[in-house]
PDB file of N, CA and C in Angstrom:
ATOM      1  N   MET A   1      58.033  45.485  19.960  1.00  0.00           N
ATOM      2  CA  MET A   1      56.712  44.964  19.712  1.00  0.00           C
ATOM      3  C   MET A   1      55.730  46.108  19.749  1.00  0.00           C
ATOM      4  N   ALA A   2      54.872  46.167  18.757  1.00  0.00           N
ATOM      5  CA  ALA A   2      53.925  47.272  18.631  1.00  0.00           C
ATOM      6  C   ALA A   2      52.683  47.004  19.459  1.00  0.00           C
ATOM      7  N   LYS A   3      52.078  48.069  19.916  1.00  0.00           N
ATOM      8  CA  LYS A   3      50.867  47.975  20.698  1.00  0.00           C
ATOM      9  C   LYS A   3      49.691  47.697  19.776  1.00  0.00           C
ATOM     10  N   ARG A   4      48.821  46.818  20.153  1.00  0.00           N
ATOM     11  CA  ARG A   4      47.652  46.482  19.330  1.00  0.00           C
ATOM     12  C   ARG A   4      46.498  47.388  19.720  1.00  0.00           C
ATOM     13  N   PRO A   5      45.635  47.771  18.731  1.00  0.00           N
ATOM     14  CA  PRO A   5      44.601  48.746  19.022  1.00  0.00           C
ATOM     15  C   PRO A   5      43.440  48.226  19.870  1.00  0.00           C
ATOM     16  N   SER A   6      43.125  46.958  19.835  1.00  0.00           N
ATOM     17  CA  SER A   6      41.962  46.487  20.597  1.00  0.00           C
ATOM     18  C   SER A   6      42.249  45.118  21.187  1.00  0.00           C
ATOM     19  N   LEU A   7      41.343  44.688  22.072  1.00  0.00           N
ATOM     20  CA  LEU A   7      41.499  43.400  22.718  1.00  0.00           C
ATOM     21  C   LEU A   7      41.342  42.260  21.713  1.00  0.00           C
ATOM     22  N   SER A   8      40.348  42.356  20.813  1.00  0.00           N
ATOM     23  CA  SER A   8      40.144  41.295  19.836  1.00  0.00           C
ATOM     24  C   SER A   8      41.316  41.178  18.882  1.00  0.00           C
ATOM     25  N   ALA A   9      42.020  42.274  18.667  1.00  0.00           N
ATOM     26  CA  ALA A   9      43.181  42.233  17.789  1.00  0.00           C
ATOM     27  C   ALA A   9      44.321  41.460  18.429  1.00  0.00           C
ATOM     28  N   SER A  10      44.300  41.333  19.750  1.00  0.00           N
ATOM     29  CA  SER A  10      45.377  40.600  20.405  1.00  0.00           C
ATOM     30  C   SER A  10      45.211  39.093  20.265  1.00  0.00           C
ATOM     31  N   PHE A  11      44.020  38.637  19.879  1.00  0.00           N
ATOM     32  CA  PHE A  11      43.772  37.207  19.671  1.00  0.00           C
ATOM     33  C   PHE A  11      43.978  36.853  18.200  1.00  0.00           C
ATOM     34  N   VAL A  12      45.165  37.033  17.706  1.00  0.00           N
ATOM     35  CA  VAL A  12      45.477  36.761  16.305  1.00  0.00           C
ATOM     36  C   VAL A  12      46.622  35.764  16.262  1.00  0.00           C
ATOM     37  N   VAL A  13      46.413  34.720  15.458  1.00  0.00           N
ATOM     38  CA  VAL A  13      47.477  33.749  15.230  1.00  0.00           C
ATOM     39  C   VAL A  13      47.875  33.923  13.781  1.00  0.00           C
ATOM     40  N   GLY A  14      49.042  34.436  13.556  1.00  0.00           N
ATOM     41  CA  GLY A  14      49.491  34.691  12.197  1.00  0.00           C
ATOM     42  C   GLY A  14      48.602  35.758  11.563  1.00  0.00           C
ATOM     43  N   GLU A  15      48.030  35.462  10.430  1.00  0.00           N
ATOM     44  CA  GLU A  15      47.158  36.402   9.716  1.00  0.00           C
ATOM     45  C   GLU A  15      45.685  36.198  10.063  1.00  0.00           C
ATOM     46  N   GLN A  16      45.325  35.082  10.706  1.00  0.00           N
ATOM     47  CA  GLN A  16      43.928  34.760  10.980  1.00  0.00           C
ATOM     48  C   GLN A  16      43.569  35.118  12.412  1.00  0.00           C
ATOM     49  N   PRO A  17      42.505  35.891  12.605  1.00  0.00           N
ATOM     50  CA  PRO A  17      42.089  36.181  13.973  1.00  0.00           C
ATOM     51  C   PRO A  17      41.392  34.985  14.605  1.00  0.00           C
ATOM     52  N   ILE A  18      41.600  34.772  15.906  1.00  0.00           N
ATOM     53  CA  ILE A  18      40.925  33.693  16.620  1.00  0.00           C
ATOM     54  C   ILE A  18      39.472  34.051  16.852  1.00  0.00           C
ATOM     55  N   LEU A  19      39.222  35.283  17.273  1.00  0.00           N
ATOM     56  CA  LEU A  19      37.859  35.755  17.461  1.00  0.00           C
ATOM     57  C   LEU A  19      37.486  36.607  16.259  1.00  0.00           C
ATOM     58  N   ASP A  20      36.690  36.111  15.378  1.00  0.00           N
ATOM     59  CA  ASP A  20      36.299  36.841  14.181  1.00  0.00           C
ATOM     60  C   ASP A  20      35.081  37.698  14.510  1.00  0.00           C
ATOM     61  N   PRO A  21      35.172  39.023  14.403  1.00  0.00           N
ATOM     62  CA  PRO A  21      34.043  39.881  14.742  1.00  0.00           C
ATOM     63  C   PRO A  21      32.885  39.785  13.754  1.00  0.00           C
ATOM     64  N   THR A  22      33.114  39.294  12.564  1.00  0.00           N
ATOM     65  CA  THR A  22      32.014  39.175  11.595  1.00  0.00           C
ATOM     66  C   THR A  22      31.321  37.833  11.785  1.00  0.00           C
ATOM     67  N   PRO A  23      29.984  37.845  11.823  1.00  0.00           N
ATOM     68  CA  PRO A  23      29.260  36.579  12.002  1.00  0.00           C
ATOM     69  C   PRO A  23      29.394  35.700  10.760  1.00  0.00           C
ATOM     70  N   PRO A  24      29.334  34.388  10.944  1.00  0.00           N
ATOM     71  CA  PRO A  24      29.436  33.495   9.777  1.00  0.00           C
ATOM     72  C   PRO A  24      28.201  33.661   8.890  1.00  0.00           C
ATOM     73  N   PRO A  25      28.336  33.460   7.597  1.00  0.00           N
ATOM     74  CA  PRO A  25      27.177  33.610   6.704  1.00  0.00           C
ATOM     75  C   PRO A  25      26.117  32.558   7.015  1.00  0.00           C
ATOM     76  N   LYS A  26      24.851  32.960   6.883  1.00  0.00           N
ATOM     77  CA  LYS A  26      23.740  32.047   7.148  1.00  0.00           C
ATOM     78  C   LYS A  26      23.617  31.046   6.006  1.00  0.00           C
ATOM     79  N   ALA A  27      23.328  29.830   6.377  1.00  0.00           N
ATOM     80  CA  ALA A  27      23.186  28.777   5.371  1.00  0.00           C
ATOM     81  C   ALA A  27      21.867  28.960   4.642  1.00  0.00           C
ATOM     82  N   GLU A  28      21.932  28.967   3.339  1.00  0.00           N
ATOM     83  CA  GLU A  28      20.719  29.098   2.537  1.00  0.00           C
ATOM     84  C   GLU A  28      20.214  27.709   2.168  1.00  0.00           C
ATOM     85  N   PRO A  29      18.889  27.524   2.170  1.00  0.00           N
ATOM     86  CA  PRO A  29      18.375  26.203   1.778  1.00  0.00           C
ATOM     87  C   PRO A  29      18.685  25.926   0.318  1.00  0.00           C
ATOM     88  N   GLN A  30      19.150  24.714   0.079  1.00  0.00           N
ATOM     89  CA  GLN A  30      19.490  24.343  -1.284  1.00  0.00           C
ATOM     90  C   GLN A  30      18.252  23.838  -2.004  1.00  0.00           C
ATOM     91  N   ALA A  31      18.188  24.108  -3.277  1.00  0.00           N
ATOM     92  CA  ALA A  31      17.041  23.684  -4.080  1.00  0.00           C
ATOM     93  C   ALA A  31      17.048  22.165  -4.213  1.00  0.00           C
ATOM     94  N   GLN A  32      15.856  21.581  -4.183  1.00  0.00           N
ATOM     95  CA  GLN A  32      15.718  20.142  -4.339  1.00  0.00           C
ATOM     96  C   GLN A  32      16.039  19.745  -5.774  1.00  0.00           C
ATOM     97  N   GLY A  33      16.561  18.555  -5.917  1.00  0.00           N
ATOM     98  CA  GLY A  33      16.852  18.037  -7.244  1.00  0.00           C
ATOM     99  C   GLY A  33      15.572  17.648  -7.966  1.00  0.00           C
ATOM    100  N   LEU A  34      15.698  17.156  -9.142  1.00  0.00           N
ATOM    101  CA  LEU A  34      14.540  16.763  -9.933  1.00  0.00           C
ATOM    102  C   LEU A  34      13.979  15.409  -9.516  1.00  0.00           C
ATOM    103  N   ASP A  35      14.725  14.681  -8.687  1.00  0.00           N
ATOM    104  CA  ASP A  35      14.255  13.376  -8.247  1.00  0.00           C
ATOM    105  C   ASP A  35      13.138  13.553  -7.223  1.00  0.00           C
ATOM    106  N   ILE A  36      11.926  13.273  -7.624  1.00  0.00           N
ATOM    107  CA  ILE A  36      10.787  13.369  -6.718  1.00  0.00           C
ATOM    108  C   ILE A  36      10.525  11.978  -6.177  1.00  0.00           C
ATOM    109  N   PRO A  37      10.590  11.817  -4.857  1.00  0.00           N
ATOM    110  CA  PRO A  37      10.364  10.474  -4.315  1.00  0.00           C
ATOM    111  C   PRO A  37       8.924  10.026  -4.538  1.00  0.00           C
ATOM    112  N   LYS A  38       8.779   8.777  -4.919  1.00  0.00           N
ATOM    113  CA  LYS A  38       7.444   8.221  -5.132  1.00  0.00           C
ATOM    114  C   LYS A  38       6.860   7.805  -3.795  1.00  0.00           C
ATOM    115  N   PRO A  39       5.584   8.082  -3.586  1.00  0.00           N
ATOM    116  CA  PRO A  39       4.991   7.679  -2.302  1.00  0.00           C
ATOM    117  C   PRO A  39       4.938   6.165  -2.194  1.00  0.00           C
ATOM    118  N   THR A  40       5.233   5.688  -1.008  1.00  0.00           N
ATOM    119  CA  THR A  40       5.178   4.251  -0.790  1.00  0.00           C
ATOM    120  C   THR A  40       3.717   3.835  -0.605  1.00  0.00           C
ATOM    121  N   PRO A  41       3.355   2.674  -1.059  1.00  0.00           N
ATOM    122  CA  PRO A  41       1.966   2.242  -0.886  1.00  0.00           C
ATOM    123  C   PRO A  41       1.658   2.034   0.589  1.00  0.00           C
ATOM    124  N   LYS A  42       0.429   2.337   0.963  1.00  0.00           N
ATOM    125  CA  LYS A  42       0.024   2.221   2.351  1.00  0.00           C
ATOM    126  C   LYS A  42      -0.017   0.749   2.743  1.00  0.00           C
ATOM    127  N   ILE A  43       0.656   0.430   3.820  1.00  0.00           N
ATOM    128  CA  ILE A  43       0.642  -0.933   4.326  1.00  0.00           C
ATOM    129  C   ILE A  43      -0.616  -1.090   5.163  1.00  0.00           C
ATOM    130  N   ARG A  44      -1.379  -2.103   4.877  1.00  0.00           N
ATOM    131  CA  ARG A  44      -2.644  -2.292   5.574  1.00  0.00           C
ATOM    132  C   ARG A  44      -2.384  -2.760   6.995  1.00  0.00           C
ATOM    133  N   ASP A  45      -2.927  -2.034   7.921  1.00  0.00           N
ATOM    134  CA  ASP A  45      -2.767  -2.361   9.324  1.00  0.00           C
ATOM    135  C   ASP A  45      -3.833  -3.375   9.714  1.00  0.00           C
ATOM    136  N   HIS A  46      -3.450  -4.415  10.429  1.00  0.00           N
ATOM    137  CA  HIS A  46      -4.425  -5.437  10.809  1.00  0.00           C
ATOM    138  C   HIS A  46      -5.425  -4.900  11.829  1.00  0.00           C
ATOM    139  N   ARG A  47      -5.138  -3.739  12.408  1.00  0.00           N
ATOM    140  CA  ARG A  47      -6.061  -3.153  13.378  1.00  0.00           C
ATOM    141  C   ARG A  47      -6.905  -2.039  12.763  1.00  0.00           C
ATOM    142  N   GLU A  48      -6.822  -1.873  11.449  1.00  0.00           N
ATOM    143  CA  GLU A  48      -7.587  -0.823  10.794  1.00  0.00           C
ATOM    144  C   GLU A  48      -9.083  -1.107  10.966  1.00  0.00           C
ATOM    145  N   ASN A  49      -9.838  -0.093  11.268  1.00  0.00           N
ATOM    146  CA  ASN A  49     -11.288  -0.189  11.498  1.00  0.00           C
ATOM    147  C   ASN A  49     -11.620  -1.074  12.701  1.00  0.00           C
ATOM    148  N   ARG A  50     -10.722  -1.161  13.643  1.00  0.00           N
ATOM    149  CA  ARG A  50     -10.978  -1.954  14.845  1.00  0.00           C
ATOM    150  C   ARG A  50     -10.751  -1.094  16.072  1.00  0.00           C
ATOM    151  N   GLN A  51     -11.387  -1.499  17.154  1.00  0.00           N
ATOM    152  CA  GLN A  51     -11.249  -0.776  18.407  1.00  0.00           C
ATOM    153  C   GLN A  51     -11.187  -1.796  19.535  1.00  0.00           C
ATOM    154  N   ALA A  52     -10.406  -1.486  20.540  1.00  0.00           N
ATOM    155  CA  ALA A  52     -10.278  -2.395  21.682  1.00  0.00           C
ATOM    156  C   ALA A  52     -11.594  -2.437  22.456  1.00  0.00           C
ATOM    157  N   PHE A  53     -11.955  -3.627  22.940  1.00  0.00           N
ATOM    158  CA  PHE A  53     -13.189  -3.836  23.699  1.00  0.00           C
ATOM    159  C   PHE A  53     -12.833  -4.761  24.852  1.00  0.00           C
ATOM    160  N   THR A  54     -12.718  -4.206  26.028  1.00  0.00           N
ATOM    161  CA  THR A  54     -12.266  -4.973  27.190  1.00  0.00           C
ATOM    162  C   THR A  54     -13.465  -5.478  27.973  1.00  0.00           C
ATOM    163  N   VAL A  55     -13.441  -6.757  28.290  1.00  0.00           N
ATOM    164  CA  VAL A  55     -14.507  -7.357  29.104  1.00  0.00           C
ATOM    165  C   VAL A  55     -13.862  -8.205  30.196  1.00  0.00           C
ATOM    166  N   TRP A  56     -14.615  -8.429  31.255  1.00  0.00           N
ATOM    167  CA  TRP A  56     -14.170  -9.289  32.333  1.00  0.00           C
ATOM    168  C   TRP A  56     -14.908 -10.614  32.204  1.00  0.00           C
ATOM    169  N   LEU A  57     -14.155 -11.708  32.099  1.00  0.00           N
ATOM    170  CA  LEU A  57     -14.737 -13.032  31.916  1.00  0.00           C
ATOM    171  C   LEU A  57     -14.224 -13.975  32.998  1.00  0.00           C
ATOM    172  N   ASP A  58     -14.957 -15.070  33.177  1.00  0.00           N
ATOM    173  CA  ASP A  58     -14.512 -16.098  34.123  1.00  0.00           C
ATOM    174  C   ASP A  58     -13.225 -16.740  33.616  1.00  0.00           C
ATOM    175  N   ARG A  59     -12.391 -17.143  34.542  1.00  0.00           N
ATOM    176  CA  ARG A  59     -11.122 -17.771  34.161  1.00  0.00           C
ATOM    177  C   ARG A  59     -11.344 -19.073  33.416  1.00  0.00           C
ATOM    178  N   ASP A  60     -12.368 -19.813  33.782  1.00  0.00           N
ATOM    179  CA  ASP A  60     -12.649 -21.083  33.097  1.00  0.00           C
ATOM    180  C   ASP A  60     -13.008 -20.834  31.633  1.00  0.00           C
ATOM    181  N   LEU A  61     -13.820 -19.807  31.387  1.00  0.00           N
ATOM    182  CA  LEU A  61     -14.211 -19.483  30.011  1.00  0.00           C
ATOM    183  C   LEU A  61     -13.002 -19.049  29.186  1.00  0.00           C
ATOM    184  N   ILE A  62     -12.144 -18.240  29.782  1.00  0.00           N
ATOM    185  CA  ILE A  62     -10.930 -17.799  29.079  1.00  0.00           C
ATOM    186  C   ILE A  62     -10.043 -18.995  28.746  1.00  0.00           C
ATOM    187  N   ALA A  63      -9.905 -19.923  29.681  1.00  0.00           N
ATOM    188  CA  ALA A  63      -9.083 -21.112  29.442  1.00  0.00           C
ATOM    189  C   ALA A  63      -9.668 -21.954  28.314  1.00  0.00           C
ATOM    190  N   LYS A  64     -10.997 -22.075  28.269  1.00  0.00           N
ATOM    191  CA  LYS A  64     -11.631 -22.851  27.194  1.00  0.00           C
ATOM    192  C   LYS A  64     -11.414 -22.200  25.829  1.00  0.00           C
ATOM    193  N   VAL A  65     -11.551 -20.873  25.760  1.00  0.00           N
ATOM    194  CA  VAL A  65     -11.354 -20.168  24.486  1.00  0.00           C
ATOM    195  C   VAL A  65      -9.906 -20.286  24.031  1.00  0.00           C
ATOM    196  N   ARG A  66      -8.967 -20.131  24.951  1.00  0.00           N
ATOM    197  CA  ARG A  66      -7.548 -20.280  24.595  1.00  0.00           C
ATOM    198  C   ARG A  66      -7.245 -21.700  24.132  1.00  0.00           C
ATOM    199  N   GLY A  67      -7.799 -22.679  24.816  1.00  0.00           N
ATOM    200  CA  GLY A  67      -7.589 -24.074  24.404  1.00  0.00           C
ATOM    201  C   GLY A  67      -8.149 -24.351  23.027  1.00  0.00           C
ATOM    202  N   LEU A  68      -9.363 -23.844  22.753  1.00  0.00           N
ATOM    203  CA  LEU A  68      -9.969 -24.021  21.426  1.00  0.00           C
ATOM    204  C   LEU A  68      -9.125 -23.346  20.355  1.00  0.00           C
ATOM    205  N   SER A  69      -8.631 -22.158  20.652  1.00  0.00           N
ATOM    206  CA  SER A  69      -7.783 -21.454  19.688  1.00  0.00           C
ATOM    207  C   SER A  69      -6.513 -22.246  19.399  1.00  0.00           C
ATOM    208  N   ARG A  70      -5.895 -22.815  20.438  1.00  0.00           N
ATOM    209  CA  ARG A  70      -4.678 -23.620  20.230  1.00  0.00           C
ATOM    210  C   ARG A  70      -4.961 -24.847  19.368  1.00  0.00           C
ATOM    211  N   GLU A  71      -6.100 -25.498  19.618  1.00  0.00           N
ATOM    212  CA  GLU A  71      -6.459 -26.676  18.822  1.00  0.00           C
ATOM    213  C   GLU A  71      -6.658 -26.301  17.352  1.00  0.00           C
ATOM    214  N   LEU A  72      -7.370 -25.217  17.109  1.00  0.00           N
ATOM    215  CA  LEU A  72      -7.611 -24.791  15.729  1.00  0.00           C
ATOM    216  C   LEU A  72      -6.330 -24.395  15.021  1.00  0.00           C
ATOM    217  N   VAL A  73      -5.426 -23.735  15.749  1.00  0.00           N
ATOM    218  CA  VAL A  73      -4.143 -23.360  15.158  1.00  0.00           C
ATOM    219  C   VAL A  73      -3.325 -24.606  14.845  1.00  0.00           C
ATOM    220  N   ALA A  74      -3.358 -25.599  15.739  1.00  0.00           N
ATOM    221  CA  ALA A  74      -2.622 -26.842  15.506  1.00  0.00           C
ATOM    222  C   ALA A  74      -3.161 -27.579  14.286  1.00  0.00           C
ATOM    223  N   GLU A  75      -4.483 -27.539  14.068  1.00  0.00           N
ATOM    224  CA  GLU A  75      -5.097 -28.230  12.930  1.00  0.00           C
ATOM    225  C   GLU A  75      -4.939 -27.469  11.622  1.00  0.00           C
ATOM    226  N   HIS A  76      -5.258 -26.177  11.650  1.00  0.00           N
ATOM    227  CA  HIS A  76      -5.390 -25.425  10.397  1.00  0.00           C
ATOM    228  C   HIS A  76      -4.361 -24.327  10.206  1.00  0.00           C
ATOM    229  N   GLY A  77      -3.496 -24.099  11.149  1.00  0.00           N
ATOM    230  CA  GLY A  77      -2.550 -22.987  11.038  1.00  0.00           C
ATOM    231  C   GLY A  77      -3.149 -21.717  11.613  1.00  0.00           C
ATOM    232  N   ARG A  78      -2.421 -20.625  11.488  1.00  0.00           N
ATOM    233  CA  ARG A  78      -2.795 -19.363  12.118  1.00  0.00           C
ATOM    234  C   ARG A  78      -3.989 -18.658  11.457  1.00  0.00           C
ATOM    235  N   ALA A  79      -4.233 -18.865  10.205  1.00  0.00           N
ATOM    236  CA  ALA A  79      -5.208 -18.063   9.450  1.00  0.00           C
ATOM    237  C   ALA A  79      -6.614 -18.157  10.038  1.00  0.00           C
ATOM    238  N   GLY A  80      -7.091 -17.061  10.583  1.00  0.00           N
ATOM    239  CA  GLY A  80      -8.476 -16.958  11.034  1.00  0.00           C
ATOM    240  C   GLY A  80      -8.813 -17.732  12.283  1.00  0.00           C
ATOM    241  N   ASN A  81      -7.838 -18.270  12.979  1.00  0.00           N
ATOM    242  CA  ASN A  81      -8.125 -19.084  14.155  1.00  0.00           C
ATOM    243  C   ASN A  81      -7.649 -18.423  15.440  1.00  0.00           C
ATOM    244  N   SER A  82      -7.541 -17.125  15.420  1.00  0.00           N
ATOM    245  CA  SER A  82      -7.089 -16.430  16.614  1.00  0.00           C
ATOM    246  C   SER A  82      -8.241 -16.273  17.595  1.00  0.00           C
ATOM    247  N   ILE A  83      -7.908 -15.874  18.789  1.00  0.00           N
ATOM    248  CA  ILE A  83      -8.933 -15.635  19.800  1.00  0.00           C
ATOM    249  C   ILE A  83      -9.845 -14.505  19.339  1.00  0.00           C
ATOM    250  N   GLU A  84      -9.282 -13.495  18.684  1.00  0.00           N
ATOM    251  CA  GLU A  84     -10.090 -12.396  18.155  1.00  0.00           C
ATOM    252  C   GLU A  84     -11.125 -12.906  17.165  1.00  0.00           C
ATOM    253  N   ALA A  85     -10.711 -13.823  16.298  1.00  0.00           N
ATOM    254  CA  ALA A  85     -11.634 -14.370  15.307  1.00  0.00           C
ATOM    255  C   ALA A  85     -12.751 -15.161  15.986  1.00  0.00           C
ATOM    256  N   LEU A  86     -12.400 -15.925  17.024  1.00  0.00           N
ATOM    257  CA  LEU A  86     -13.411 -16.698  17.743  1.00  0.00           C
ATOM    258  C   LEU A  86     -14.410 -15.784  18.449  1.00  0.00           C
ATOM    259  N   VAL A  87     -13.923 -14.738  19.109  1.00  0.00           N
ATOM    260  CA  VAL A  87     -14.805 -13.801  19.804  1.00  0.00           C
ATOM    261  C   VAL A  87     -15.678 -13.051  18.804  1.00  0.00           C
ATOM    262  N   THR A  88     -15.100 -12.653  17.673  1.00  0.00           N
ATOM    263  CA  THR A  88     -15.872 -11.970  16.633  1.00  0.00           C
ATOM    264  C   THR A  88     -16.981 -12.867  16.110  1.00  0.00           C
ATOM    265  N   GLU A  89     -16.654 -14.127  15.855  1.00  0.00           N
ATOM    266  CA  GLU A  89     -17.655 -15.077  15.379  1.00  0.00           C
ATOM    267  C   GLU A  89     -18.782 -15.248  16.399  1.00  0.00           C
ATOM    268  N   ALA A  90     -18.419 -15.353  17.675  1.00  0.00           N
ATOM    269  CA  ALA A  90     -19.433 -15.530  18.725  1.00  0.00           C
ATOM    270  C   ALA A  90     -20.326 -14.302  18.843  1.00  0.00           C
ATOM    271  N   LEU A  91     -19.748 -13.106  18.801  1.00  0.00           N
ATOM    272  CA  LEU A  91     -20.554 -11.894  18.903  1.00  0.00           C
ATOM    273  C   LEU A  91     -21.458 -11.712  17.692  1.00  0.00           C
ATOM    274  N   ASN A  92     -20.956 -12.042  16.512  1.00  0.00           N
ATOM    275  CA  ASN A  92     -21.811 -11.958  15.314  1.00  0.00           C
ATOM    276  C   ASN A  92     -22.974 -12.923  15.403  1.00  0.00           C
ATOM    277  N   GLU A  93     -22.742 -14.112  15.946  1.00  0.00           N
ATOM    278  CA  GLU A  93     -23.820 -15.092  16.116  1.00  0.00           C
ATOM    279  C   GLU A  93     -24.869 -14.592  17.123  1.00  0.00           C
ATOM    280  N   VAL A  94     -24.408 -13.996  18.215  1.00  0.00           N
ATOM    281  CA  VAL A  94     -25.345 -13.451  19.213  1.00  0.00           C
ATOM    282  C   VAL A  94     -26.158 -12.321  18.589  1.00  0.00           C
ATOM    283  N   LEU A  95     -25.514 -11.443  17.828  1.00  0.00           N
ATOM    284  CA  LEU A  95     -26.231 -10.318  17.215  1.00  0.00           C
ATOM    285  C   LEU A  95     -27.226 -10.793  16.164  1.00  0.00           C
ATOM    286  N   SER A  96     -26.855 -11.807  15.386  1.00  0.00           N
ATOM    287  CA  SER A  96     -27.809 -12.311  14.386  1.00  0.00           C
ATOM    288  C   SER A  96     -28.979 -13.021  15.054  1.00  0.00           C
ATOM    289  N   LYS A  97     -28.732 -13.662  16.178  1.00  0.00           N
ATOM    290  CA  LYS A  97     -29.805 -14.324  16.928  1.00  0.00           C
ATOM    291  C   LYS A  97     -30.808 -13.295  17.458  1.00  0.00           C
ATOM    292  N   ARG A  98     -30.301 -12.133  17.826  1.00  0.00           N
ATOM    293  CA  ARG A  98     -31.140 -11.062  18.364  1.00  0.00           C
ATOM    294  C   ARG A  98     -31.646 -10.128  17.271  1.00  0.00           C
ATOM    295  N   SER A  99     -31.429 -10.473  16.012  1.00  0.00           N
ATOM    296  CA  SER A  99     -31.866  -9.668  14.846  1.00  0.00           C
ATOM    297  C   SER A  99     -31.281  -8.257  14.871  1.00  0.00           C
ATOM    298  N   ARG A 100     -30.016  -8.172  15.067  1.00  0.00           N
ATOM    299  CA  ARG A 100     -29.337  -6.851  15.088  1.00  0.00           C
ATOM    300  C   ARG A 100     -28.341  -6.767  13.992  1.00  0.00           C
TER     301      ARG A 100
END
């Protein structure tokens, strides 16, 4: 058996070395195809142009507003009968009363 010249040469299985001293080639970015993806239409967010406004209210008042909202939803369905819609309507009425 012949003596091998280096330590890395001793890690050879058949003709292929186990420890390859040459680094693997760097991956080059591939060019994009001609298929250009079309932008998807913007989905309208129901919170667009809105901001949270937290207030502290009496429990009785909250119960009345929730009850009214449930009644309106039972009569007319979900459209425009949410608690947000009721509060918005009330605030708009107060602002119009105060000429704002």
